[in-house]
Amino acid sequence: MLFQDTRDYQILFLSLFLVLGIGTRDWTLHPEFIGVTIATCLSTQWIFLAINKWREALQEKSGRVGEAALWAGSPTCGDCRTVPWERSGERESGGEGESIKNISCVCLYPRPRVLIVPQSSFRSPLITSLGLSLLLRADHWTTMALAAVVAIASKFVFKISDKHFFNPANFGIISALVITSDAWVSPGQWGEEWWYGLLFAGTGGMILKRIGRWDTTVAFLGAYAGLEAIRNLWLGWTWDVYWHRLMSGSLLLFALFMVTDPRSIPNSRIGRVIWAVAIATLTFILRNYFFLSTAVFWALFVLAPFTILLDLIWQAPRFGWEGGEGGGVGERETREVINH
């Protein structure tokens, strides 16, 4: 294989789609908007990771400073050899109600090494930035920057047991649509040419095979296609109308690259199938009865928190990128669990 990490293929394919859309669909995209989106996603990821590293180091250092300066009777910190100083307030020592002074030390404050984060941690925000560039449109670069910031921030803010349940790109899109007045999504930007669908299915299928999430795409597309077929028969329309509603490049991109994000969807197969069918059903209702052109994005946004409930009901190993961000089982190990 050319790449060991599946996210490298995602970056390659999404970049290809972006170039292809600009070259063949005549999208009026500003290159500076794309640059701002990428830079903002990467810098926001770095800021949050650096803050998390500093907080972990602070907790670890606090215990060592207290032990070195008080319990061992040493006048200096065991790490940096400087004299700690007292802070206001007291804390319990864990003995017979005895209290000791809170202390602080110069080594508790950020050091340059805390600002260094693994390079593999920047793959996911790069994917998010490319997804935003593909799907979201805006009149001002500040709108794209806002969407990028909230997209990455959602991973660190909205999480339970160290798992985020909102798809970052989806969260950024919905936030931009709600907060600003110049953001929009164009579901028909890919048209209905068959070769786009073939390209999306081929590249998306390659990624889904590696991460083992075909079940989510099949459940979503199957449920949505079935509901549209029933409606088409009920209304007595020709099948041309049916295929017109299904042959959308944006729908395929959503089904193959967004609703299958392995880090934010349910861990178990049955949970993913139920969740995907629910999203398809809500998409069908919002599109046909509330006439929302952005129905798929709203459906995913509304139902994303139910991932936590499904994980509690049907427990399974959590997905984690091999050697990358996030805990849990590795990419290959997860696929083996699913297939067996």
C-alpha atoms as a PDB file:
ATOM      1  CA  MET A   1       0.000   0.000   0.000  1.00  0.00           C
ATOM      2  CA  LEU A   2       1.123   3.514  -0.750  1.00  0.00           C
ATOM      3  CA  PHE A   3       0.096   4.809   2.702  1.00  0.00           C
ATOM      4  CA  GLN A   4      -0.067   3.002   6.032  1.00  0.00           C
ATOM      5  CA  ASP A   5      -2.515   5.428   7.627  1.00  0.00           C
ATOM      6  CA  THR A   6      -5.977   5.468   6.037  1.00  0.00           C
ATOM      7  CA  ARG A   7      -6.293   9.173   6.762  1.00  0.00           C
ATOM      8  CA  ASP A   8      -3.557   9.829   4.201  1.00  0.00           C
ATOM      9  CA  TYR A   9      -5.843   8.338   1.552  1.00  0.00           C
ATOM     10  CA  GLN A  10      -8.703  10.493   2.778  1.00  0.00           C
ATOM     11  CA  ILE A  11      -6.532  13.589   2.473  1.00  0.00           C
ATOM     12  CA  LEU A  12      -5.466  12.557  -1.032  1.00  0.00           C
ATOM     13  CA  PHE A  13      -9.007  11.820  -2.225  1.00  0.00           C
ATOM     14  CA  LEU A  14     -10.601  14.914  -0.704  1.00  0.00           C
ATOM     15  CA  SER A  15      -7.863  17.079  -2.222  1.00  0.00           C
ATOM     16  CA  LEU A  16      -8.555  15.403  -5.565  1.00  0.00           C
ATOM     17  CA  PHE A  17     -12.278  16.122  -5.234  1.00  0.00           C
ATOM     18  CA  LEU A  18     -11.559  19.759  -4.435  1.00  0.00           C
ATOM     19  CA  VAL A  19      -9.332  20.185  -7.484  1.00  0.00           C
ATOM     20  CA  LEU A  20     -11.809  18.256  -9.615  1.00  0.00           C
ATOM     21  CA  GLY A  21     -14.732  20.384  -8.491  1.00  0.00           C
ATOM     22  CA  ILE A  22     -12.916  23.622  -9.224  1.00  0.00           C
ATOM     23  CA  GLY A  23     -11.664  22.358 -12.579  1.00  0.00           C
ATOM     24  CA  THR A  24     -14.794  20.653 -13.944  1.00  0.00           C
ATOM     25  CA  ARG A  25     -17.718  22.221 -12.091  1.00  0.00           C
ATOM     26  CA  ASP A  26     -16.479  25.822 -12.228  1.00  0.00           C
ATOM     27  CA  TRP A  27     -16.898  26.438  -8.511  1.00  0.00           C
ATOM     28  CA  THR A  28     -16.367  30.051  -7.542  1.00  0.00           C
ATOM     29  CA  LEU A  29     -14.002  29.250  -4.703  1.00  0.00           C
ATOM     30  CA  HIS A  30     -11.454  31.699  -3.374  1.00  0.00           C
ATOM     31  CA  PRO A  31      -8.047  30.047  -2.852  1.00  0.00           C
ATOM     32  CA  GLU A  32      -7.472  32.265   0.168  1.00  0.00           C
ATOM     33  CA  PHE A  33     -10.649  30.869   1.771  1.00  0.00           C
ATOM     34  CA  ILE A  34      -9.283  27.343   1.426  1.00  0.00           C
ATOM     35  CA  GLY A  35      -5.957  28.442   2.889  1.00  0.00           C
ATOM     36  CA  VAL A  36      -7.646  30.157   5.836  1.00  0.00           C
ATOM     37  CA  THR A  37      -9.758  27.078   6.534  1.00  0.00           C
ATOM     38  CA  ILE A  38      -6.771  24.723   6.508  1.00  0.00           C
ATOM     39  CA  ALA A  39      -4.574  27.012   8.600  1.00  0.00           C
ATOM     40  CA  THR A  40      -7.334  27.642  11.145  1.00  0.00           C
ATOM     41  CA  CYS A  41      -8.157  23.953  11.586  1.00  0.00           C
ATOM     42  CA  LEU A  42      -4.502  23.020  12.078  1.00  0.00           C
ATOM     43  CA  SER A  43      -3.750  25.870  14.473  1.00  0.00           C
ATOM     44  CA  THR A  44      -6.901  25.229  16.532  1.00  0.00           C
ATOM     45  CA  GLN A  45      -5.961  21.559  16.854  1.00  0.00           C
ATOM     46  CA  TRP A  46      -2.465  22.515  17.974  1.00  0.00           C
ATOM     47  CA  ILE A  47      -3.770  24.970  20.585  1.00  0.00           C
ATOM     48  CA  PHE A  48      -6.140  22.455  22.169  1.00  0.00           C
ATOM     49  CA  LEU A  49      -3.578  19.646  22.159  1.00  0.00           C
ATOM     50  CA  ALA A  50      -0.955  21.933  23.725  1.00  0.00           C
ATOM     51  CA  ILE A  51      -3.403  23.006  26.433  1.00  0.00           C
ATOM     52  CA  ASN A  52      -4.250  19.371  27.181  1.00  0.00           C
ATOM     53  CA  LYS A  53      -0.560  18.434  27.389  1.00  0.00           C
ATOM     54  CA  TRP A  54       0.127  21.337  29.728  1.00  0.00           C
ATOM     55  CA  ARG A  55      -2.791  20.401  31.989  1.00  0.00           C
ATOM     56  CA  GLU A  56      -1.575  16.803  32.210  1.00  0.00           C
ATOM     57  CA  ALA A  57       1.966  17.956  32.961  1.00  0.00           C
ATOM     58  CA  LEU A  58       0.634  20.412  35.550  1.00  0.00           C
ATOM     59  CA  GLN A  59      -1.247  17.694  37.422  1.00  0.00           C
ATOM     60  CA  GLU A  60       1.764  15.406  37.390  1.00  0.00           C
ATOM     61  CA  LYS A  61       4.167  18.138  38.475  1.00  0.00           C
ATOM     62  CA  SER A  62       1.910  19.386  41.264  1.00  0.00           C
ATOM     63  CA  GLY A  63       2.089  16.057  43.049  1.00  0.00           C
ATOM     64  CA  ARG A  64       5.854  15.766  42.666  1.00  0.00           C
ATOM     65  CA  VAL A  65       6.510  19.326  43.857  1.00  0.00           C
ATOM     66  CA  GLY A  66       4.358  18.827  46.938  1.00  0.00           C
ATOM     67  CA  GLU A  67       6.084  15.577  47.791  1.00  0.00           C
ATOM     68  CA  ALA A  68       9.599  16.919  47.252  1.00  0.00           C
ATOM     69  CA  ALA A  69       9.080  20.150  49.181  1.00  0.00           C
ATOM     70  CA  LEU A  70       6.948  18.954  52.064  1.00  0.00           C
ATOM     71  CA  TRP A  71       6.816  15.218  52.612  1.00  0.00           C
ATOM     72  CA  ALA A  72      10.529  14.645  52.025  1.00  0.00           C
ATOM     73  CA  GLY A  73      11.412  17.778  53.951  1.00  0.00           C
ATOM     74  CA  SER A  74      13.411  19.181  51.026  1.00  0.00           C
ATOM     75  CA  PRO A  75      13.568  22.988  50.647  1.00  0.00           C
ATOM     76  CA  THR A  76      13.697  22.715  46.837  1.00  0.00           C
ATOM     77  CA  CYS A  77      11.624  21.132  44.073  1.00  0.00           C
ATOM     78  CA  GLY A  78      12.809  17.669  43.121  1.00  0.00           C
ATOM     79  CA  ASP A  79      12.510  18.474  39.407  1.00  0.00           C
ATOM     80  CA  CYS A  80      13.846  21.957  38.801  1.00  0.00           C
ATOM     81  CA  ARG A  81      15.777  22.508  42.084  1.00  0.00           C
ATOM     82  CA  THR A  82      14.155  25.871  42.734  1.00  0.00           C
ATOM     83  CA  VAL A  83      12.440  26.886  45.966  1.00  0.00           C
ATOM     84  CA  PRO A  84       8.640  26.461  45.740  1.00  0.00           C
ATOM     85  CA  TRP A  85       6.396  29.115  47.235  1.00  0.00           C
ATOM     86  CA  GLU A  86       3.120  28.931  49.099  1.00  0.00           C
ATOM     87  CA  ARG A  87      -0.179  29.680  47.421  1.00  0.00           C
ATOM     88  CA  SER A  88      -3.271  30.906  49.195  1.00  0.00           C
ATOM     89  CA  GLY A  89      -5.635  28.252  50.497  1.00  0.00           C
ATOM     90  CA  GLU A  90      -5.159  24.858  52.065  1.00  0.00           C
ATOM     91  CA  ARG A  91      -5.812  21.279  51.025  1.00  0.00           C
ATOM     92  CA  GLU A  92      -6.295  18.071  52.939  1.00  0.00           C
ATOM     93  CA  SER A  93      -3.254  15.850  53.224  1.00  0.00           C
ATOM     94  CA  GLY A  94      -5.256  12.641  53.483  1.00  0.00           C
ATOM     95  CA  GLY A  95      -4.267  11.978  57.101  1.00  0.00           C
ATOM     96  CA  GLU A  96      -6.224  12.755  60.246  1.00  0.00           C
ATOM     97  CA  GLY A  97      -7.689  15.930  58.861  1.00  0.00           C
ATOM     98  CA  GLU A  98      -4.233  17.481  58.792  1.00  0.00           C
ATOM     99  CA  SER A  99      -3.859  20.323  56.287  1.00  0.00           C
ATOM    100  CA  ILE A 100      -0.783  21.521  54.479  1.00  0.00           C
ATOM    101  CA  LYS A 101      -0.149  24.644  52.454  1.00  0.00           C
ATOM    102  CA  ASN A 102      -0.694  24.587  48.696  1.00  0.00           C
ATOM    103  CA  ILE A 103       2.582  25.245  46.978  1.00  0.00           C
ATOM    104  CA  SER A 104       3.647  26.261  43.502  1.00  0.00           C
ATOM    105  CA  CYS A 105       6.851  26.168  41.530  1.00  0.00           C
ATOM    106  CA  VAL A 106       8.324  27.665  38.407  1.00  0.00           C
ATOM    107  CA  CYS A 107       8.366  24.262  36.700  1.00  0.00           C
ATOM    108  CA  LEU A 108       4.565  24.105  36.862  1.00  0.00           C
ATOM    109  CA  TYR A 109       4.274  26.718  34.133  1.00  0.00           C
ATOM    110  CA  PRO A 110       4.345  25.923  30.392  1.00  0.00           C
ATOM    111  CA  ARG A 111       7.646  24.903  28.860  1.00  0.00           C
ATOM    112  CA  PRO A 112       8.492  24.815  25.147  1.00  0.00           C
ATOM    113  CA  ARG A 113       8.299  21.011  24.967  1.00  0.00           C
ATOM    114  CA  VAL A 114       4.642  21.148  26.009  1.00  0.00           C
ATOM    115  CA  LEU A 115       3.934  22.979  22.755  1.00  0.00           C
ATOM    116  CA  ILE A 116       5.229  20.062  20.666  1.00  0.00           C
ATOM    117  CA  VAL A 117       2.441  17.709  19.546  1.00  0.00           C
ATOM    118  CA  PRO A 118       2.667  14.576  17.368  1.00  0.00           C
ATOM    119  CA  GLN A 119       2.564  15.196  13.631  1.00  0.00           C
ATOM    120  CA  SER A 120      -0.017  12.423  13.245  1.00  0.00           C
ATOM    121  CA  SER A 121      -2.460  14.570  15.219  1.00  0.00           C
ATOM    122  CA  PHE A 122      -2.753  16.983  12.289  1.00  0.00           C
ATOM    123  CA  ARG A 123      -4.207  14.476   9.821  1.00  0.00           C
ATOM    124  CA  SER A 124      -7.741  14.634  11.207  1.00  0.00           C
ATOM    125  CA  PRO A 125      -7.997  18.462  11.262  1.00  0.00           C
ATOM    126  CA  LEU A 126      -6.622  18.545   7.721  1.00  0.00           C
ATOM    127  CA  ILE A 127      -9.414  16.175   6.665  1.00  0.00           C
ATOM    128  CA  THR A 128     -11.930  18.407   8.437  1.00  0.00           C
ATOM    129  CA  SER A 129     -10.610  21.505   6.659  1.00  0.00           C
ATOM    130  CA  LEU A 130     -10.862  19.806   3.258  1.00  0.00           C
ATOM    131  CA  GLY A 131     -14.406  18.684   4.057  1.00  0.00           C
ATOM    132  CA  LEU A 132     -15.385  22.234   4.973  1.00  0.00           C
ATOM    133  CA  SER A 133     -13.799  23.565   1.789  1.00  0.00           C
ATOM    134  CA  LEU A 134     -15.739  21.021  -0.278  1.00  0.00           C
ATOM    135  CA  LEU A 135     -19.151  21.517   1.294  1.00  0.00           C
ATOM    136  CA  LEU A 136     -19.402  24.998   2.836  1.00  0.00           C
ATOM    137  CA  ARG A 137     -19.649  28.259   0.929  1.00  0.00           C
ATOM    138  CA  ALA A 138     -19.346  31.777   2.361  1.00  0.00           C
ATOM    139  CA  ASP A 139     -18.951  35.366   1.262  1.00  0.00           C
ATOM    140  CA  HIS A 140     -16.305  36.239   3.836  1.00  0.00           C
ATOM    141  CA  TRP A 141     -13.175  34.447   4.986  1.00  0.00           C
ATOM    142  CA  THR A 142     -14.091  35.111   8.607  1.00  0.00           C
ATOM    143  CA  THR A 143     -17.078  32.786   8.218  1.00  0.00           C
ATOM    144  CA  MET A 144     -14.816  29.961   7.050  1.00  0.00           C
ATOM    145  CA  ALA A 145     -12.450  30.663   9.937  1.00  0.00           C
ATOM    146  CA  LEU A 146     -15.353  30.537  12.408  1.00  0.00           C
ATOM    147  CA  ALA A 147     -16.554  27.227  10.992  1.00  0.00           C
ATOM    148  CA  ALA A 148     -13.027  25.812  11.246  1.00  0.00           C
ATOM    149  CA  VAL A 149     -12.541  26.899  14.867  1.00  0.00           C
ATOM    150  CA  VAL A 150     -15.846  25.503  16.144  1.00  0.00           C
ATOM    151  CA  ALA A 151     -15.394  22.316  14.094  1.00  0.00           C
ATOM    152  CA  ILE A 152     -12.107  21.430  15.794  1.00  0.00           C
ATOM    153  CA  ALA A 153     -13.160  22.785  19.177  1.00  0.00           C
ATOM    154  CA  SER A 154     -16.205  20.483  19.178  1.00  0.00           C
ATOM    155  CA  LYS A 155     -13.883  17.462  19.394  1.00  0.00           C
ATOM    156  CA  PHE A 156     -12.430  18.692  22.661  1.00  0.00           C
ATOM    157  CA  VAL A 157     -15.556  20.207  24.200  1.00  0.00           C
ATOM    158  CA  PHE A 158     -18.373  17.792  23.323  1.00  0.00           C
ATOM    159  CA  LYS A 159     -17.034  14.431  24.396  1.00  0.00           C
ATOM    160  CA  ILE A 160     -17.836  11.739  26.930  1.00  0.00           C
ATOM    161  CA  SER A 161     -15.289   9.189  28.141  1.00  0.00           C
ATOM    162  CA  ASP A 162     -12.743  10.778  25.801  1.00  0.00           C
ATOM    163  CA  LYS A 163     -14.936  10.190  22.726  1.00  0.00           C
ATOM    164  CA  HIS A 164     -16.355  13.103  20.728  1.00  0.00           C
ATOM    165  CA  PHE A 165     -19.802  12.463  19.274  1.00  0.00           C
ATOM    166  CA  PHE A 166     -20.198  15.327  16.787  1.00  0.00           C
ATOM    167  CA  ASN A 167     -18.653  15.017  13.360  1.00  0.00           C
ATOM    168  CA  PRO A 168     -16.308  18.047  13.309  1.00  0.00           C
ATOM    169  CA  ALA A 169     -16.993  19.158   9.723  1.00  0.00           C
ATOM    170  CA  ASN A 170     -20.735  18.724  10.197  1.00  0.00           C
ATOM    171  CA  PHE A 171     -20.632  20.724  13.428  1.00  0.00           C
ATOM    172  CA  GLY A 172     -18.714  23.515  11.701  1.00  0.00           C
ATOM    173  CA  ILE A 173     -21.178  23.624   8.803  1.00  0.00           C
ATOM    174  CA  ILE A 174     -24.258  23.792  11.031  1.00  0.00           C
ATOM    175  CA  SER A 175     -22.621  26.420  13.269  1.00  0.00           C
ATOM    176  CA  ALA A 176     -21.792  28.629  10.284  1.00  0.00           C
ATOM    177  CA  LEU A 177     -25.343  28.291   8.910  1.00  0.00           C
ATOM    178  CA  VAL A 178     -26.876  29.240  12.257  1.00  0.00           C
ATOM    179  CA  ILE A 179     -24.484  31.947  13.452  1.00  0.00           C
ATOM    180  CA  THR A 180     -23.713  33.803  10.227  1.00  0.00           C
ATOM    181  CA  SER A 181     -25.830  35.207   7.421  1.00  0.00           C
ATOM    182  CA  ASP A 182     -23.447  34.590   4.526  1.00  0.00           C
ATOM    183  CA  ALA A 183     -22.888  30.830   4.758  1.00  0.00           C
ATOM    184  CA  TRP A 184     -24.657  28.255   2.639  1.00  0.00           C
ATOM    185  CA  VAL A 185     -24.385  24.709   1.331  1.00  0.00           C
ATOM    186  CA  SER A 186     -25.012  23.730  -2.277  1.00  0.00           C
ATOM    187  CA  PRO A 187     -26.154  20.067  -2.318  1.00  0.00           C
ATOM    188  CA  GLY A 188     -26.399  20.049  -6.109  1.00  0.00           C
ATOM    189  CA  GLN A 189     -22.907  21.381  -6.788  1.00  0.00           C
ATOM    190  CA  TRP A 190     -21.738  18.015  -8.195  1.00  0.00           C
ATOM    191  CA  GLY A 191     -24.631  17.681 -10.599  1.00  0.00           C
ATOM    192  CA  GLU A 192     -25.852  14.190 -11.544  1.00  0.00           C
ATOM    193  CA  GLU A 193     -23.146  12.907 -13.884  1.00  0.00           C
ATOM    194  CA  TRP A 194     -22.614   9.183 -13.336  1.00  0.00           C
ATOM    195  CA  TRP A 195     -18.822   9.232 -13.334  1.00  0.00           C
ATOM    196  CA  TYR A 196     -18.717  11.445 -10.242  1.00  0.00           C
ATOM    197  CA  GLY A 197     -20.722   8.828  -8.390  1.00  0.00           C
ATOM    198  CA  LEU A 198     -18.422   6.083  -9.655  1.00  0.00           C
ATOM    199  CA  LEU A 199     -15.364   8.020  -8.484  1.00  0.00           C
ATOM    200  CA  PHE A 200     -16.848   8.697  -5.034  1.00  0.00           C
ATOM    201  CA  ALA A 201     -17.969   5.095  -4.609  1.00  0.00           C
ATOM    202  CA  GLY A 202     -14.573   3.715  -5.640  1.00  0.00           C
ATOM    203  CA  THR A 203     -12.467   5.947  -3.413  1.00  0.00           C
ATOM    204  CA  GLY A 204     -14.913   5.851  -0.531  1.00  0.00           C
ATOM    205  CA  GLY A 205     -15.180   2.081  -0.771  1.00  0.00           C
ATOM    206  CA  MET A 206     -11.410   1.750  -0.517  1.00  0.00           C
ATOM    207  CA  ILE A 207     -11.381   3.747   2.732  1.00  0.00           C
ATOM    208  CA  LEU A 208     -14.392   1.964   4.216  1.00  0.00           C
ATOM    209  CA  LYS A 209     -12.804  -1.401   3.521  1.00  0.00           C
ATOM    210  CA  ARG A 210      -9.744  -0.400   5.529  1.00  0.00           C
ATOM    211  CA  ILE A 211     -11.655   0.995   8.509  1.00  0.00           C
ATOM    212  CA  GLY A 212     -14.518  -1.530   8.423  1.00  0.00           C
ATOM    213  CA  ARG A 213     -17.496   0.836   8.265  1.00  0.00           C
ATOM    214  CA  TRP A 214     -19.369  -0.391   5.169  1.00  0.00           C
ATOM    215  CA  ASP A 215     -22.353  -1.245   7.346  1.00  0.00           C
ATOM    216  CA  THR A 216     -23.033   2.422   8.107  1.00  0.00           C
ATOM    217  CA  THR A 217     -23.041   3.509   4.464  1.00  0.00           C
ATOM    218  CA  VAL A 218     -25.148   0.559   3.311  1.00  0.00           C
ATOM    219  CA  ALA A 219     -27.689   1.101   6.120  1.00  0.00           C
ATOM    220  CA  PHE A 220     -27.967   4.831   5.400  1.00  0.00           C
ATOM    221  CA  LEU A 221     -28.243   4.591   1.608  1.00  0.00           C
ATOM    222  CA  GLY A 222     -30.478   1.510   1.753  1.00  0.00           C
ATOM    223  CA  ALA A 223     -32.926   3.075   4.188  1.00  0.00           C
ATOM    224  CA  TYR A 224     -33.016   6.405   2.366  1.00  0.00           C
ATOM    225  CA  ALA A 225     -33.407   4.780  -1.071  1.00  0.00           C
ATOM    226  CA  GLY A 226     -36.198   2.579   0.275  1.00  0.00           C
ATOM    227  CA  LEU A 227     -38.125   5.496   1.736  1.00  0.00           C
ATOM    228  CA  GLU A 228     -37.783   7.487  -1.483  1.00  0.00           C
ATOM    229  CA  ALA A 229     -38.980   4.478  -3.498  1.00  0.00           C
ATOM    230  CA  ILE A 230     -42.098   4.104  -1.323  1.00  0.00           C
ATOM    231  CA  ARG A 231     -42.876   7.803  -1.679  1.00  0.00           C
ATOM    232  CA  ASN A 232     -42.290   7.661  -5.416  1.00  0.00           C
ATOM    233  CA  LEU A 233     -44.752   4.754  -5.788  1.00  0.00           C
ATOM    234  CA  TRP A 234     -47.292   6.419  -3.500  1.00  0.00           C
ATOM    235  CA  LEU A 235     -47.274   9.598  -5.576  1.00  0.00           C
ATOM    236  CA  GLY A 236     -47.303   7.708  -8.869  1.00  0.00           C
ATOM    237  CA  TRP A 237     -44.211   9.385 -10.226  1.00  0.00           C
ATOM    238  CA  THR A 238     -41.962   7.915 -12.886  1.00  0.00           C
ATOM    239  CA  TRP A 239     -38.698   6.293 -11.870  1.00  0.00           C
ATOM    240  CA  ASP A 240     -36.776   9.106 -13.525  1.00  0.00           C
ATOM    241  CA  VAL A 241     -37.830  11.304 -10.613  1.00  0.00           C
ATOM    242  CA  TYR A 242     -36.633   8.661  -8.173  1.00  0.00           C
ATOM    243  CA  TRP A 243     -33.181   8.356  -9.714  1.00  0.00           C
ATOM    244  CA  HIS A 244     -32.958  12.132  -9.981  1.00  0.00           C
ATOM    245  CA  ARG A 245     -33.366  12.412  -6.209  1.00  0.00           C
ATOM    246  CA  LEU A 246     -30.782   9.724  -5.502  1.00  0.00           C
ATOM    247  CA  MET A 247     -28.065  10.507  -8.055  1.00  0.00           C
ATOM    248  CA  SER A 248     -26.474  13.304  -6.090  1.00  0.00           C
ATOM    249  CA  GLY A 249     -22.737  13.604  -5.670  1.00  0.00           C
ATOM    250  CA  SER A 250     -23.174  15.452  -2.390  1.00  0.00           C
ATOM    251  CA  LEU A 251     -25.363  12.645  -1.004  1.00  0.00           C
ATOM    252  CA  LEU A 252     -22.708  10.075  -1.868  1.00  0.00           C
ATOM    253  CA  LEU A 253     -19.947  12.198  -0.344  1.00  0.00           C
ATOM    254  CA  PHE A 254     -21.982  12.453   2.840  1.00  0.00           C
ATOM    255  CA  ALA A 255     -22.703   8.714   2.951  1.00  0.00           C
ATOM    256  CA  LEU A 256     -19.114   7.662   2.216  1.00  0.00           C
ATOM    257  CA  PHE A 257     -16.979  10.279   3.953  1.00  0.00           C
ATOM    258  CA  MET A 258     -19.008  12.025   6.683  1.00  0.00           C
ATOM    259  CA  VAL A 259     -21.568   9.705   8.243  1.00  0.00           C
ATOM    260  CA  THR A 260     -18.888   6.994   8.457  1.00  0.00           C
ATOM    261  CA  ASP A 261     -16.378   8.949  10.571  1.00  0.00           C
ATOM    262  CA  PRO A 262     -15.146   6.065  12.775  1.00  0.00           C
ATOM    263  CA  ARG A 263     -14.203   8.258  15.739  1.00  0.00           C
ATOM    264  CA  SER A 264     -17.659   9.806  16.272  1.00  0.00           C
ATOM    265  CA  ILE A 265     -20.138   7.095  15.244  1.00  0.00           C
ATOM    266  CA  PRO A 266     -21.363   4.183  17.433  1.00  0.00           C
ATOM    267  CA  ASN A 267     -18.776   1.535  18.244  1.00  0.00           C
ATOM    268  CA  SER A 268     -20.951  -1.554  17.708  1.00  0.00           C
ATOM    269  CA  ARG A 269     -22.266  -2.738  14.357  1.00  0.00           C
ATOM    270  CA  ILE A 270     -25.896  -2.927  15.477  1.00  0.00           C
ATOM    271  CA  GLY A 271     -25.590   0.555  16.969  1.00  0.00           C
ATOM    272  CA  ARG A 272     -24.203   1.939  13.709  1.00  0.00           C
ATOM    273  CA  VAL A 273     -26.976   0.339  11.643  1.00  0.00           C
ATOM    274  CA  ILE A 274     -29.746   1.684  13.895  1.00  0.00           C
ATOM    275  CA  TRP A 275     -28.091   5.100  13.968  1.00  0.00           C
ATOM    276  CA  ALA A 276     -27.644   5.235  10.170  1.00  0.00           C
ATOM    277  CA  VAL A 277     -31.257   4.213   9.538  1.00  0.00           C
ATOM    278  CA  ALA A 278     -32.418   6.916  11.964  1.00  0.00           C
ATOM    279  CA  ILE A 279     -30.360   9.535  10.129  1.00  0.00           C
ATOM    280  CA  ALA A 280     -31.771   8.380   6.767  1.00  0.00           C
ATOM    281  CA  THR A 281     -35.323   8.570   8.127  1.00  0.00           C
ATOM    282  CA  LEU A 282     -34.859  12.056   9.566  1.00  0.00           C
ATOM    283  CA  THR A 283     -33.186  13.177   6.329  1.00  0.00           C
ATOM    284  CA  PHE A 284     -36.187  11.901   4.363  1.00  0.00           C
ATOM    285  CA  ILE A 285     -38.632  13.770   6.610  1.00  0.00           C
ATOM    286  CA  LEU A 286     -36.693  17.036   6.622  1.00  0.00           C
ATOM    287  CA  ARG A 287     -36.164  16.989   2.869  1.00  0.00           C
ATOM    288  CA  ASN A 288     -39.664  16.034   1.750  1.00  0.00           C
ATOM    289  CA  TYR A 289     -41.880  17.609   4.384  1.00  0.00           C
ATOM    290  CA  PHE A 290     -39.833  20.556   5.627  1.00  0.00           C
ATOM    291  CA  PHE A 291     -38.110  21.145   2.270  1.00  0.00           C
ATOM    292  CA  LEU A 292     -34.632  21.568   3.734  1.00  0.00           C
ATOM    293  CA  SER A 293     -31.922  21.286   1.110  1.00  0.00           C
ATOM    294  CA  THR A 294     -29.414  20.719   3.928  1.00  0.00           C
ATOM    295  CA  ALA A 295     -31.455  17.887   5.445  1.00  0.00           C
ATOM    296  CA  VAL A 296     -28.592  15.370   5.656  1.00  0.00           C
ATOM    297  CA  PHE A 297     -26.408  17.745   7.664  1.00  0.00           C
ATOM    298  CA  TRP A 298     -29.183  18.638  10.088  1.00  0.00           C
ATOM    299  CA  ALA A 299     -30.123  14.982  10.547  1.00  0.00           C
ATOM    300  CA  LEU A 300     -26.555  14.034  11.428  1.00  0.00           C
ATOM    301  CA  PHE A 301     -26.226  17.006  13.774  1.00  0.00           C
ATOM    302  CA  VAL A 302     -29.460  16.268  15.656  1.00  0.00           C
ATOM    303  CA  LEU A 303     -28.828  12.538  16.055  1.00  0.00           C
ATOM    304  CA  ALA A 304     -25.091  12.711  16.820  1.00  0.00           C
ATOM    305  CA  PRO A 305     -25.555  12.769  20.650  1.00  0.00           C
ATOM    306  CA  PHE A 306     -27.459   9.465  20.486  1.00  0.00           C
ATOM    307  CA  THR A 307     -24.113   7.826  19.713  1.00  0.00           C
ATOM    308  CA  ILE A 308     -23.368   7.884  23.448  1.00  0.00           C
ATOM    309  CA  LEU A 309     -26.636   6.120  24.298  1.00  0.00           C
ATOM    310  CA  LEU A 310     -26.081   3.436  21.657  1.00  0.00           C
ATOM    311  CA  ASP A 311     -22.552   2.852  22.953  1.00  0.00           C
ATOM    312  CA  LEU A 312     -23.962   2.299  26.440  1.00  0.00           C
ATOM    313  CA  ILE A 313     -26.563  -0.188  25.214  1.00  0.00           C
ATOM    314  CA  TRP A 314     -24.319  -2.112  22.802  1.00  0.00           C
ATOM    315  CA  GLN A 315     -20.733  -1.978  23.977  1.00  0.00           C
ATOM    316  CA  ALA A 316     -17.869  -2.702  21.596  1.00  0.00           C
ATOM    317  CA  PRO A 317     -14.170  -1.791  21.201  1.00  0.00           C
ATOM    318  CA  ARG A 318     -13.628   1.872  20.397  1.00  0.00           C
ATOM    319  CA  PHE A 319     -11.948   2.816  17.137  1.00  0.00           C
ATOM    320  CA  GLY A 320      -8.590   4.565  17.315  1.00  0.00           C
ATOM    321  CA  TRP A 321      -6.300   5.598  14.499  1.00  0.00           C
ATOM    322  CA  GLU A 322      -3.170   3.474  14.526  1.00  0.00           C
ATOM    323  CA  GLY A 323      -0.381   5.560  16.030  1.00  0.00           C
ATOM    324  CA  GLY A 324      -2.553   8.641  15.841  1.00  0.00           C
ATOM    325  CA  GLU A 325      -4.859  10.751  17.969  1.00  0.00           C
ATOM    326  CA  GLY A 326      -7.373   9.254  20.284  1.00  0.00           C
ATOM    327  CA  GLY A 327      -7.328   6.211  22.455  1.00  0.00           C
ATOM    328  CA  GLY A 328      -8.932   2.884  21.797  1.00  0.00           C
ATOM    329  CA  VAL A 329      -8.042  -0.035  19.638  1.00  0.00           C
ATOM    330  CA  GLY A 330      -5.912   0.437  16.576  1.00  0.00           C
ATOM    331  CA  GLU A 331      -7.113   0.634  13.006  1.00  0.00           C
ATOM    332  CA  ARG A 332      -6.175  -2.934  12.085  1.00  0.00           C
ATOM    333  CA  GLU A 333      -7.345  -4.388  15.395  1.00  0.00           C
ATOM    334  CA  THR A 334     -10.751  -2.735  15.038  1.00  0.00           C
ATOM    335  CA  ARG A 335     -11.224  -4.210  11.585  1.00  0.00           C
ATOM    336  CA  GLU A 336     -10.380  -7.686  12.861  1.00  0.00           C
ATOM    337  CA  VAL A 337     -12.918  -7.379  15.689  1.00  0.00           C
ATOM    338  CA  ILE A 338     -15.621  -6.376  13.224  1.00  0.00           C
ATOM    339  CA  ASN A 339     -14.874  -9.075  10.676  1.00  0.00           C
ATOM    340  CA  HIS A 340     -14.787 -11.801  13.268  1.00  0.00           C
END
